[in-house]
Amino acid sequence: MAGHSKFKNIMHRKGAQDKKRSALFSKLSKEITVAAKMGGPDPESNPRLRLAIQNAKSQSMPKANIERAIQNSQAGDGDNYEEVRYEGFGPGGVALIVDSLTDNRNRTASDIRAAFQKNGGNMGETGCVSHQFERVGEIIYPADVADADTVFEAALEAGAENVESDDETHEIFCRAEDLNAVREALEQQLGEAKSARLIWKAQITVKVGEDDARKLMNLLDVLDDNDDVQNVFGNYEVSEEIMEKLGA
């Protein structure tokens, strides 16, 4: 399990699925609201909103929820969320980046710092680990959309830079500024993606042993359960054997 694959590995790892789904919808709604407030409520002229809506649909979020989130963005008394990035180190020296949308910076910083401290890590200053990552676009398709060679050729033609395929998914990476163009080109050939988003991709990964992995999974769970946290990215690499031992 690699750190940049949190979207497919962490979100459904364990816990009550209904609760997880509700939390996921809340995070997706928040992203839609922020995107619509920043760039306008029309997805045709707002690339970030288009991506947010697509990702919400890929998670089977009801249309009514999506429309409500857009309406909230235009309400004068709606919540004002601020994008804040936190960085730090987890167990085993793992580098972590936490992207958040918050209406209370002090509360969120305090909660995230406590999560790090209670689970074998420590939060650092902004910039302390981001130099170990690259900001890129990530587009994910299920493995059965096509074989690896077909997806690879389609991705290159669409302007992507790299593809990583396994038994579950095809992960397509491109420059951050090309995400929408690559997504739209791929959609013409492969259909709608499972997800398309900007991520922090680790340049070098760190292998984590069983003890540190257990602490790390606990930390990721706590962060994931925080309503203000949108995504967590890390440079960790945990073997399938250890993941099975941890019941993940």
C-alpha atoms as a PDB file:
ATOM      1  CA  MET A   1       0.000   0.000   0.000  1.00  0.00           C
ATOM      2  CA  ALA A   2       1.578   3.251  -1.123  1.00  0.00           C
ATOM      3  CA  GLY A   3       0.899   6.616   0.476  1.00  0.00           C
ATOM      4  CA  HIS A   4      -0.518   8.351  -2.577  1.00  0.00           C
ATOM      5  CA  SER A   5      -3.189   5.666  -2.947  1.00  0.00           C
ATOM      6  CA  LYS A   6      -5.124   6.727   0.145  1.00  0.00           C
ATOM      7  CA  PHE A   7      -8.267   7.329  -1.949  1.00  0.00           C
ATOM      8  CA  LYS A   8      -8.729   3.632  -2.716  1.00  0.00           C
ATOM      9  CA  ASN A   9      -7.026   2.061   0.308  1.00  0.00           C
ATOM     10  CA  ILE A  10      -7.751   4.103   3.402  1.00  0.00           C
ATOM     11  CA  MET A  11     -11.315   5.272   2.849  1.00  0.00           C
ATOM     12  CA  HIS A  12     -12.812   1.777   2.907  1.00  0.00           C
ATOM     13  CA  ARG A  13     -10.317   0.016   5.128  1.00  0.00           C
ATOM     14  CA  LYS A  14     -12.487  -0.626   8.146  1.00  0.00           C
ATOM     15  CA  GLY A  15     -15.200   0.784  10.366  1.00  0.00           C
ATOM     16  CA  ALA A  16     -18.913   1.229   9.930  1.00  0.00           C
ATOM     17  CA  GLN A  17     -19.461   1.768   6.211  1.00  0.00           C
ATOM     18  CA  ASP A  18     -22.543   3.938   6.665  1.00  0.00           C
ATOM     19  CA  LYS A  19     -20.607   6.281   8.925  1.00  0.00           C
ATOM     20  CA  LYS A  20     -17.705   6.374   6.486  1.00  0.00           C
ATOM     21  CA  ARG A  21     -20.063   7.080   3.611  1.00  0.00           C
ATOM     22  CA  SER A  22     -21.725   9.928   5.464  1.00  0.00           C
ATOM     23  CA  ALA A  23     -18.322  11.423   6.274  1.00  0.00           C
ATOM     24  CA  LEU A  24     -17.222  11.035   2.651  1.00  0.00           C
ATOM     25  CA  PHE A  25     -20.352  12.800   1.383  1.00  0.00           C
ATOM     26  CA  SER A  26     -19.701  15.618   3.837  1.00  0.00           C
ATOM     27  CA  LYS A  27     -16.159  16.101   2.511  1.00  0.00           C
ATOM     28  CA  LEU A  28     -17.335  15.929  -1.103  1.00  0.00           C
ATOM     29  CA  SER A  29     -20.084  18.476  -0.393  1.00  0.00           C
ATOM     30  CA  LYS A  30     -17.589  20.836   1.181  1.00  0.00           C
ATOM     31  CA  GLU A  31     -15.318  20.638  -1.870  1.00  0.00           C
ATOM     32  CA  ILE A  32     -18.271  21.317  -4.206  1.00  0.00           C
ATOM     33  CA  THR A  33     -19.332  24.312  -2.103  1.00  0.00           C
ATOM     34  CA  VAL A  34     -15.832  25.803  -2.053  1.00  0.00           C
ATOM     35  CA  ALA A  35     -15.294  25.190  -5.766  1.00  0.00           C
ATOM     36  CA  ALA A  36     -18.628  26.815  -6.656  1.00  0.00           C
ATOM     37  CA  LYS A  37     -18.009  29.776  -4.367  1.00  0.00           C
ATOM     38  CA  MET A  38     -14.542  30.397  -5.812  1.00  0.00           C
ATOM     39  CA  GLY A  39     -15.268  29.866  -9.498  1.00  0.00           C
ATOM     40  CA  GLY A  40     -19.026  30.183  -9.882  1.00  0.00           C
ATOM     41  CA  PRO A  41     -21.882  27.662  -9.847  1.00  0.00           C
ATOM     42  CA  ASP A  42     -21.669  26.689 -13.532  1.00  0.00           C
ATOM     43  CA  PRO A  43     -19.502  23.561 -13.945  1.00  0.00           C
ATOM     44  CA  GLU A  44     -19.052  24.279 -17.663  1.00  0.00           C
ATOM     45  CA  SER A  45     -16.994  27.371 -16.854  1.00  0.00           C
ATOM     46  CA  ASN A  46     -15.554  26.121 -13.553  1.00  0.00           C
ATOM     47  CA  PRO A  47     -13.040  23.243 -13.977  1.00  0.00           C
ATOM     48  CA  ARG A  48     -12.617  22.675 -10.249  1.00  0.00           C
ATOM     49  CA  LEU A  49     -16.371  22.363  -9.790  1.00  0.00           C
ATOM     50  CA  ARG A  50     -16.575  19.936 -12.714  1.00  0.00           C
ATOM     51  CA  LEU A  51     -14.004  17.708 -11.037  1.00  0.00           C
ATOM     52  CA  ALA A  52     -15.727  17.944  -7.658  1.00  0.00           C
ATOM     53  CA  ILE A  53     -19.092  16.967  -9.159  1.00  0.00           C
ATOM     54  CA  GLN A  54     -17.564  14.084 -11.100  1.00  0.00           C
ATOM     55  CA  ASN A  55     -15.844  12.721  -7.998  1.00  0.00           C
ATOM     56  CA  ALA A  56     -19.084  13.032  -6.037  1.00  0.00           C
ATOM     57  CA  LYS A  57     -20.995  11.126  -8.722  1.00  0.00           C
ATOM     58  CA  SER A  58     -18.313   8.420  -8.823  1.00  0.00           C
ATOM     59  CA  GLN A  59     -18.990   7.851  -5.106  1.00  0.00           C
ATOM     60  CA  SER A  60     -22.748   7.570  -5.774  1.00  0.00           C
ATOM     61  CA  MET A  61     -23.503  10.829  -3.997  1.00  0.00           C
ATOM     62  CA  PRO A  62     -27.181  11.716  -4.616  1.00  0.00           C
ATOM     63  CA  LYS A  63     -27.898  14.461  -7.129  1.00  0.00           C
ATOM     64  CA  ALA A  64     -29.885  16.357  -4.498  1.00  0.00           C
ATOM     65  CA  ASN A  65     -26.798  16.546  -2.258  1.00  0.00           C
ATOM     66  CA  ILE A  66     -24.719  17.910  -5.119  1.00  0.00           C
ATOM     67  CA  GLU A  67     -27.307  20.560  -5.990  1.00  0.00           C
ATOM     68  CA  ARG A  68     -27.658  21.531  -2.324  1.00  0.00           C
ATOM     69  CA  ALA A  69     -23.895  22.012  -1.997  1.00  0.00           C
ATOM     70  CA  ILE A  70     -23.874  24.302  -5.031  1.00  0.00           C
ATOM     71  CA  GLN A  71     -26.836  26.283  -3.669  1.00  0.00           C
ATOM     72  CA  ASN A  72     -25.060  26.685  -0.337  1.00  0.00           C
ATOM     73  CA  SER A  73     -22.124  28.266  -2.134  1.00  0.00           C
ATOM     74  CA  GLN A  74     -24.357  31.086  -3.345  1.00  0.00           C
ATOM     75  CA  ALA A  75     -26.047  31.727   0.011  1.00  0.00           C
ATOM     76  CA  GLY A  76     -24.903  34.945   1.577  1.00  0.00           C
ATOM     77  CA  ASP A  77     -24.914  33.442   5.053  1.00  0.00           C
ATOM     78  CA  GLY A  78     -23.162  30.213   4.020  1.00  0.00           C
ATOM     79  CA  ASP A  79     -20.043  28.882   5.703  1.00  0.00           C
ATOM     80  CA  ASN A  80     -16.723  30.318   4.575  1.00  0.00           C
ATOM     81  CA  TYR A  81     -14.090  27.614   4.266  1.00  0.00           C
ATOM     82  CA  GLU A  82     -10.377  28.232   3.993  1.00  0.00           C
ATOM     83  CA  GLU A  83      -7.911  25.880   2.331  1.00  0.00           C
ATOM     84  CA  VAL A  84      -5.072  25.065   4.716  1.00  0.00           C
ATOM     85  CA  ARG A  85      -2.249  22.552   4.261  1.00  0.00           C
ATOM     86  CA  TYR A  86      -0.549  20.930   7.234  1.00  0.00           C
ATOM     87  CA  GLU A  87       2.670  18.942   7.130  1.00  0.00           C
ATOM     88  CA  GLY A  88       4.412  16.638   9.529  1.00  0.00           C
ATOM     89  CA  PHE A  89       6.045  13.321  10.288  1.00  0.00           C
ATOM     90  CA  GLY A  90       4.315  10.104  11.227  1.00  0.00           C
ATOM     91  CA  PRO A  91       5.690   6.918  12.823  1.00  0.00           C
ATOM     92  CA  GLY A  92       8.892   5.653  11.231  1.00  0.00           C
ATOM     93  CA  GLY A  93       9.757   9.098   9.874  1.00  0.00           C
ATOM     94  CA  VAL A  94       6.974   8.966   7.285  1.00  0.00           C
ATOM     95  CA  ALA A  95       6.266  12.344   5.678  1.00  0.00           C
ATOM     96  CA  LEU A  96       2.592  13.362   5.622  1.00  0.00           C
ATOM     97  CA  ILE A  97       0.676  16.195   3.968  1.00  0.00           C
ATOM     98  CA  VAL A  98      -2.828  16.976   5.222  1.00  0.00           C
ATOM     99  CA  ASP A  99      -5.111  19.065   3.000  1.00  0.00           C
ATOM    100  CA  SER A 100      -8.025  20.649   4.819  1.00  0.00           C
ATOM    101  CA  LEU A 101     -11.013  22.917   4.291  1.00  0.00           C
ATOM    102  CA  THR A 102     -11.867  24.683   7.528  1.00  0.00           C
ATOM    103  CA  ASP A 103     -13.992  27.494   8.910  1.00  0.00           C
ATOM    104  CA  ASN A 104     -11.834  27.641  12.034  1.00  0.00           C
ATOM    105  CA  ARG A 105      -8.090  27.478  11.438  1.00  0.00           C
ATOM    106  CA  ASN A 106      -7.210  27.356  15.155  1.00  0.00           C
ATOM    107  CA  ARG A 107      -9.522  24.410  15.846  1.00  0.00           C
ATOM    108  CA  THR A 108      -8.265  22.427  12.880  1.00  0.00           C
ATOM    109  CA  ALA A 109      -4.601  23.050  13.643  1.00  0.00           C
ATOM    110  CA  SER A 110      -5.126  21.992  17.258  1.00  0.00           C
ATOM    111  CA  ASP A 111      -6.975  18.807  16.271  1.00  0.00           C
ATOM    112  CA  ILE A 112      -4.414  17.790  13.668  1.00  0.00           C
ATOM    113  CA  ARG A 113      -1.472  18.513  15.979  1.00  0.00           C
ATOM    114  CA  ALA A 114      -3.089  16.367  18.681  1.00  0.00           C
ATOM    115  CA  ALA A 115      -3.655  13.546  16.165  1.00  0.00           C
ATOM    116  CA  PHE A 116       0.023  13.538  15.269  1.00  0.00           C
ATOM    117  CA  GLN A 117       1.215  13.697  18.872  1.00  0.00           C
ATOM    118  CA  LYS A 118      -1.063  10.917  20.132  1.00  0.00           C
ATOM    119  CA  ASN A 119      -0.112   8.526  17.353  1.00  0.00           C
ATOM    120  CA  GLY A 120       3.674   8.600  17.252  1.00  0.00           C
ATOM    121  CA  GLY A 121       4.199  11.619  15.028  1.00  0.00           C
ATOM    122  CA  ASN A 122       4.656  15.357  15.142  1.00  0.00           C
ATOM    123  CA  MET A 123       3.281  18.216  13.059  1.00  0.00           C
ATOM    124  CA  GLY A 124       5.868  20.517  11.522  1.00  0.00           C
ATOM    125  CA  GLU A 125       5.954  23.863   9.777  1.00  0.00           C
ATOM    126  CA  THR A 126       4.478  24.358   6.318  1.00  0.00           C
ATOM    127  CA  GLY A 127       7.111  23.266   3.797  1.00  0.00           C
ATOM    128  CA  CYS A 128       8.886  20.815   6.097  1.00  0.00           C
ATOM    129  CA  VAL A 129       7.998  17.785   3.944  1.00  0.00           C
ATOM    130  CA  SER A 130       6.329  19.076   0.765  1.00  0.00           C
ATOM    131  CA  HIS A 131       9.699  19.207  -1.005  1.00  0.00           C
ATOM    132  CA  GLN A 132       9.590  15.394  -0.944  1.00  0.00           C
ATOM    133  CA  PHE A 133       6.393  15.404  -3.023  1.00  0.00           C
ATOM    134  CA  GLU A 134       5.288  16.530  -6.454  1.00  0.00           C
ATOM    135  CA  ARG A 135       1.933  18.182  -7.115  1.00  0.00           C
ATOM    136  CA  VAL A 136       0.343  16.206  -9.964  1.00  0.00           C
ATOM    137  CA  GLY A 137      -3.001  15.228 -11.412  1.00  0.00           C
ATOM    138  CA  GLU A 138      -4.237  11.704 -10.716  1.00  0.00           C
ATOM    139  CA  ILE A 139      -6.968   9.982 -12.734  1.00  0.00           C
ATOM    140  CA  ILE A 140      -8.157   6.536 -11.641  1.00  0.00           C
ATOM    141  CA  TYR A 141      -9.978   3.934 -13.715  1.00  0.00           C
ATOM    142  CA  PRO A 142     -11.048   0.455 -12.609  1.00  0.00           C
ATOM    143  CA  ALA A 143      -8.870  -2.349 -13.934  1.00  0.00           C
ATOM    144  CA  ASP A 144     -11.663  -3.794 -16.068  1.00  0.00           C
ATOM    145  CA  VAL A 145     -12.082  -0.648 -18.197  1.00  0.00           C
ATOM    146  CA  ALA A 146      -9.365  -1.970 -20.549  1.00  0.00           C
ATOM    147  CA  ASP A 147      -6.041  -3.821 -20.495  1.00  0.00           C
ATOM    148  CA  ALA A 148      -2.904  -2.047 -19.300  1.00  0.00           C
ATOM    149  CA  ASP A 149      -1.480  -1.502 -22.800  1.00  0.00           C
ATOM    150  CA  THR A 150      -4.691   0.082 -24.067  1.00  0.00           C
ATOM    151  CA  VAL A 151      -4.914   2.413 -21.074  1.00  0.00           C
ATOM    152  CA  PHE A 152      -1.233   3.310 -21.379  1.00  0.00           C
ATOM    153  CA  GLU A 153      -1.595   4.263 -25.047  1.00  0.00           C
ATOM    154  CA  ALA A 154      -4.769   6.236 -24.375  1.00  0.00           C
ATOM    155  CA  ALA A 155      -3.105   8.080 -21.487  1.00  0.00           C
ATOM    156  CA  LEU A 156      -0.063   9.063 -23.511  1.00  0.00           C
ATOM    157  CA  GLU A 157      -2.252  10.259 -26.355  1.00  0.00           C
ATOM    158  CA  ALA A 158      -4.283  12.322 -23.887  1.00  0.00           C
ATOM    159  CA  GLY A 159      -1.140  14.031 -22.581  1.00  0.00           C
ATOM    160  CA  ALA A 160      -0.477  12.059 -19.396  1.00  0.00           C
ATOM    161  CA  GLU A 161       3.054  11.421 -18.157  1.00  0.00           C
ATOM    162  CA  ASN A 162       2.806   8.030 -16.437  1.00  0.00           C
ATOM    163  CA  VAL A 163       0.473   5.095 -15.773  1.00  0.00           C
ATOM    164  CA  GLU A 164       0.584   2.548 -12.947  1.00  0.00           C
ATOM    165  CA  SER A 165      -1.686  -0.473 -13.412  1.00  0.00           C
ATOM    166  CA  ASP A 166      -2.459  -3.351 -11.038  1.00  0.00           C
ATOM    167  CA  ASP A 167      -5.234  -5.891 -10.500  1.00  0.00           C
ATOM    168  CA  GLU A 168      -7.638  -3.249  -9.178  1.00  0.00           C
ATOM    169  CA  THR A 169      -6.991   0.037 -10.941  1.00  0.00           C
ATOM    170  CA  HIS A 170      -5.192   2.049 -13.569  1.00  0.00           C
ATOM    171  CA  GLU A 171      -3.660   5.176 -12.002  1.00  0.00           C
ATOM    172  CA  ILE A 172      -2.845   7.836 -14.568  1.00  0.00           C
ATOM    173  CA  PHE A 173      -0.626  10.779 -13.670  1.00  0.00           C
ATOM    174  CA  CYS A 174      -0.215  14.102 -15.451  1.00  0.00           C
ATOM    175  CA  ARG A 175       0.977  17.625 -14.788  1.00  0.00           C
ATOM    176  CA  ALA A 176      -1.287  19.451 -12.355  1.00  0.00           C
ATOM    177  CA  GLU A 177      -2.208  22.109 -14.902  1.00  0.00           C
ATOM    178  CA  ASP A 178      -3.164  19.441 -17.464  1.00  0.00           C
ATOM    179  CA  LEU A 179      -5.590  17.514 -15.256  1.00  0.00           C
ATOM    180  CA  ASN A 180      -8.837  18.696 -16.820  1.00  0.00           C
ATOM    181  CA  ALA A 181      -7.582  18.411 -20.387  1.00  0.00           C
ATOM    182  CA  VAL A 182      -6.246  14.884 -19.830  1.00  0.00           C
ATOM    183  CA  ARG A 183      -9.418  13.813 -18.007  1.00  0.00           C
ATOM    184  CA  GLU A 184     -11.636  15.064 -20.806  1.00  0.00           C
ATOM    185  CA  ALA A 185      -9.494  13.401 -23.500  1.00  0.00           C
ATOM    186  CA  LEU A 186      -9.511  10.083 -21.632  1.00  0.00           C
ATOM    187  CA  GLU A 187     -13.255  10.275 -21.135  1.00  0.00           C
ATOM    188  CA  GLN A 188     -13.691  10.204 -24.910  1.00  0.00           C
ATOM    189  CA  GLN A 189     -11.810   6.902 -25.105  1.00  0.00           C
ATOM    190  CA  LEU A 190     -12.392   5.146 -21.779  1.00  0.00           C
ATOM    191  CA  GLY A 191     -15.542   6.704 -20.385  1.00  0.00           C
ATOM    192  CA  GLU A 192     -15.909   8.528 -17.074  1.00  0.00           C
ATOM    193  CA  ALA A 193     -13.083   8.011 -14.583  1.00  0.00           C
ATOM    194  CA  LYS A 194     -13.560   6.666 -11.078  1.00  0.00           C
ATOM    195  CA  SER A 195     -11.890   9.825  -9.781  1.00  0.00           C
ATOM    196  CA  ALA A 196      -9.810  12.737 -10.998  1.00  0.00           C
ATOM    197  CA  ARG A 197      -8.027  15.056  -8.588  1.00  0.00           C
ATOM    198  CA  LEU A 198      -4.841  16.857  -7.665  1.00  0.00           C
ATOM    199  CA  ILE A 199      -2.587  14.924  -5.304  1.00  0.00           C
ATOM    200  CA  TRP A 200       0.774  15.138  -3.590  1.00  0.00           C
ATOM    201  CA  LYS A 201       2.775  12.236  -5.034  1.00  0.00           C
ATOM    202  CA  ALA A 202       5.831  11.094  -3.079  1.00  0.00           C
ATOM    203  CA  GLN A 203       9.077  11.164  -5.044  1.00  0.00           C
ATOM    204  CA  ILE A 204      10.637   8.474  -2.837  1.00  0.00           C
ATOM    205  CA  THR A 205       8.746   6.099  -0.547  1.00  0.00           C
ATOM    206  CA  VAL A 206       9.700   4.852   2.914  1.00  0.00           C
ATOM    207  CA  LYS A 207       9.124   1.214   3.862  1.00  0.00           C
ATOM    208  CA  VAL A 208       7.325   0.910   7.190  1.00  0.00           C
ATOM    209  CA  GLY A 209       7.602  -2.045   9.587  1.00  0.00           C
ATOM    210  CA  GLU A 210       4.689  -3.642  11.415  1.00  0.00           C
ATOM    211  CA  ASP A 211       4.857  -1.639  14.657  1.00  0.00           C
ATOM    212  CA  ASP A 212       5.152   1.700  12.903  1.00  0.00           C
ATOM    213  CA  ALA A 213       2.525   0.650  10.365  1.00  0.00           C
ATOM    214  CA  ARG A 214       0.030  -0.017  13.152  1.00  0.00           C
ATOM    215  CA  LYS A 215       0.603   3.440  14.627  1.00  0.00           C
ATOM    216  CA  LEU A 216       0.485   4.989  11.171  1.00  0.00           C
ATOM    217  CA  MET A 217      -2.862   3.367  10.338  1.00  0.00           C
ATOM    218  CA  ASN A 218      -4.264   4.694  13.620  1.00  0.00           C
ATOM    219  CA  LEU A 219      -3.021   8.181  12.775  1.00  0.00           C
ATOM    220  CA  LEU A 220      -4.512   8.023   9.286  1.00  0.00           C
ATOM    221  CA  ASP A 221      -7.842   6.858  10.715  1.00  0.00           C
ATOM    222  CA  VAL A 222      -7.949   9.755  13.178  1.00  0.00           C
ATOM    223  CA  LEU A 223      -7.114  12.260  10.451  1.00  0.00           C
ATOM    224  CA  ASP A 224      -9.629  10.707   8.078  1.00  0.00           C
ATOM    225  CA  ASP A 225     -12.364  10.985  10.735  1.00  0.00           C
ATOM    226  CA  ASN A 226     -11.736  14.715  11.116  1.00  0.00           C
ATOM    227  CA  ASP A 227     -14.455  16.657   9.275  1.00  0.00           C
ATOM    228  CA  ASP A 228     -11.997  19.377   8.261  1.00  0.00           C
ATOM    229  CA  VAL A 229      -9.532  16.986   6.606  1.00  0.00           C
ATOM    230  CA  GLN A 230     -10.107  16.474   2.896  1.00  0.00           C
ATOM    231  CA  ASN A 231      -7.118  14.317   1.972  1.00  0.00           C
ATOM    232  CA  VAL A 232      -3.964  12.881   3.509  1.00  0.00           C
ATOM    233  CA  PHE A 233      -0.914  12.001   1.429  1.00  0.00           C
ATOM    234  CA  GLY A 234       2.213  10.230   2.596  1.00  0.00           C
ATOM    235  CA  ASN A 235       5.446   8.686   1.358  1.00  0.00           C
ATOM    236  CA  TYR A 236       4.882   5.411   3.204  1.00  0.00           C
ATOM    237  CA  GLU A 237       5.028   1.937   1.711  1.00  0.00           C
ATOM    238  CA  VAL A 238       3.465  -0.936   3.656  1.00  0.00           C
ATOM    239  CA  SER A 239       3.764  -4.525   2.441  1.00  0.00           C
ATOM    240  CA  GLU A 240       0.630  -6.581   1.756  1.00  0.00           C
ATOM    241  CA  GLU A 241       1.800  -9.077   4.401  1.00  0.00           C
ATOM    242  CA  ILE A 242       1.857  -6.414   7.098  1.00  0.00           C
ATOM    243  CA  MET A 243      -1.480  -4.999   5.950  1.00  0.00           C
ATOM    244  CA  GLU A 244      -3.034  -8.457   6.292  1.00  0.00           C
ATOM    245  CA  LYS A 245      -1.624  -8.800   9.810  1.00  0.00           C
ATOM    246  CA  LEU A 246      -3.174  -5.475  10.720  1.00  0.00           C
ATOM    247  CA  GLY A 247      -6.488  -6.570   9.277  1.00  0.00           C
ATOM    248  CA  ALA A 248      -6.539  -3.652   6.857  1.00  0.00           C
END
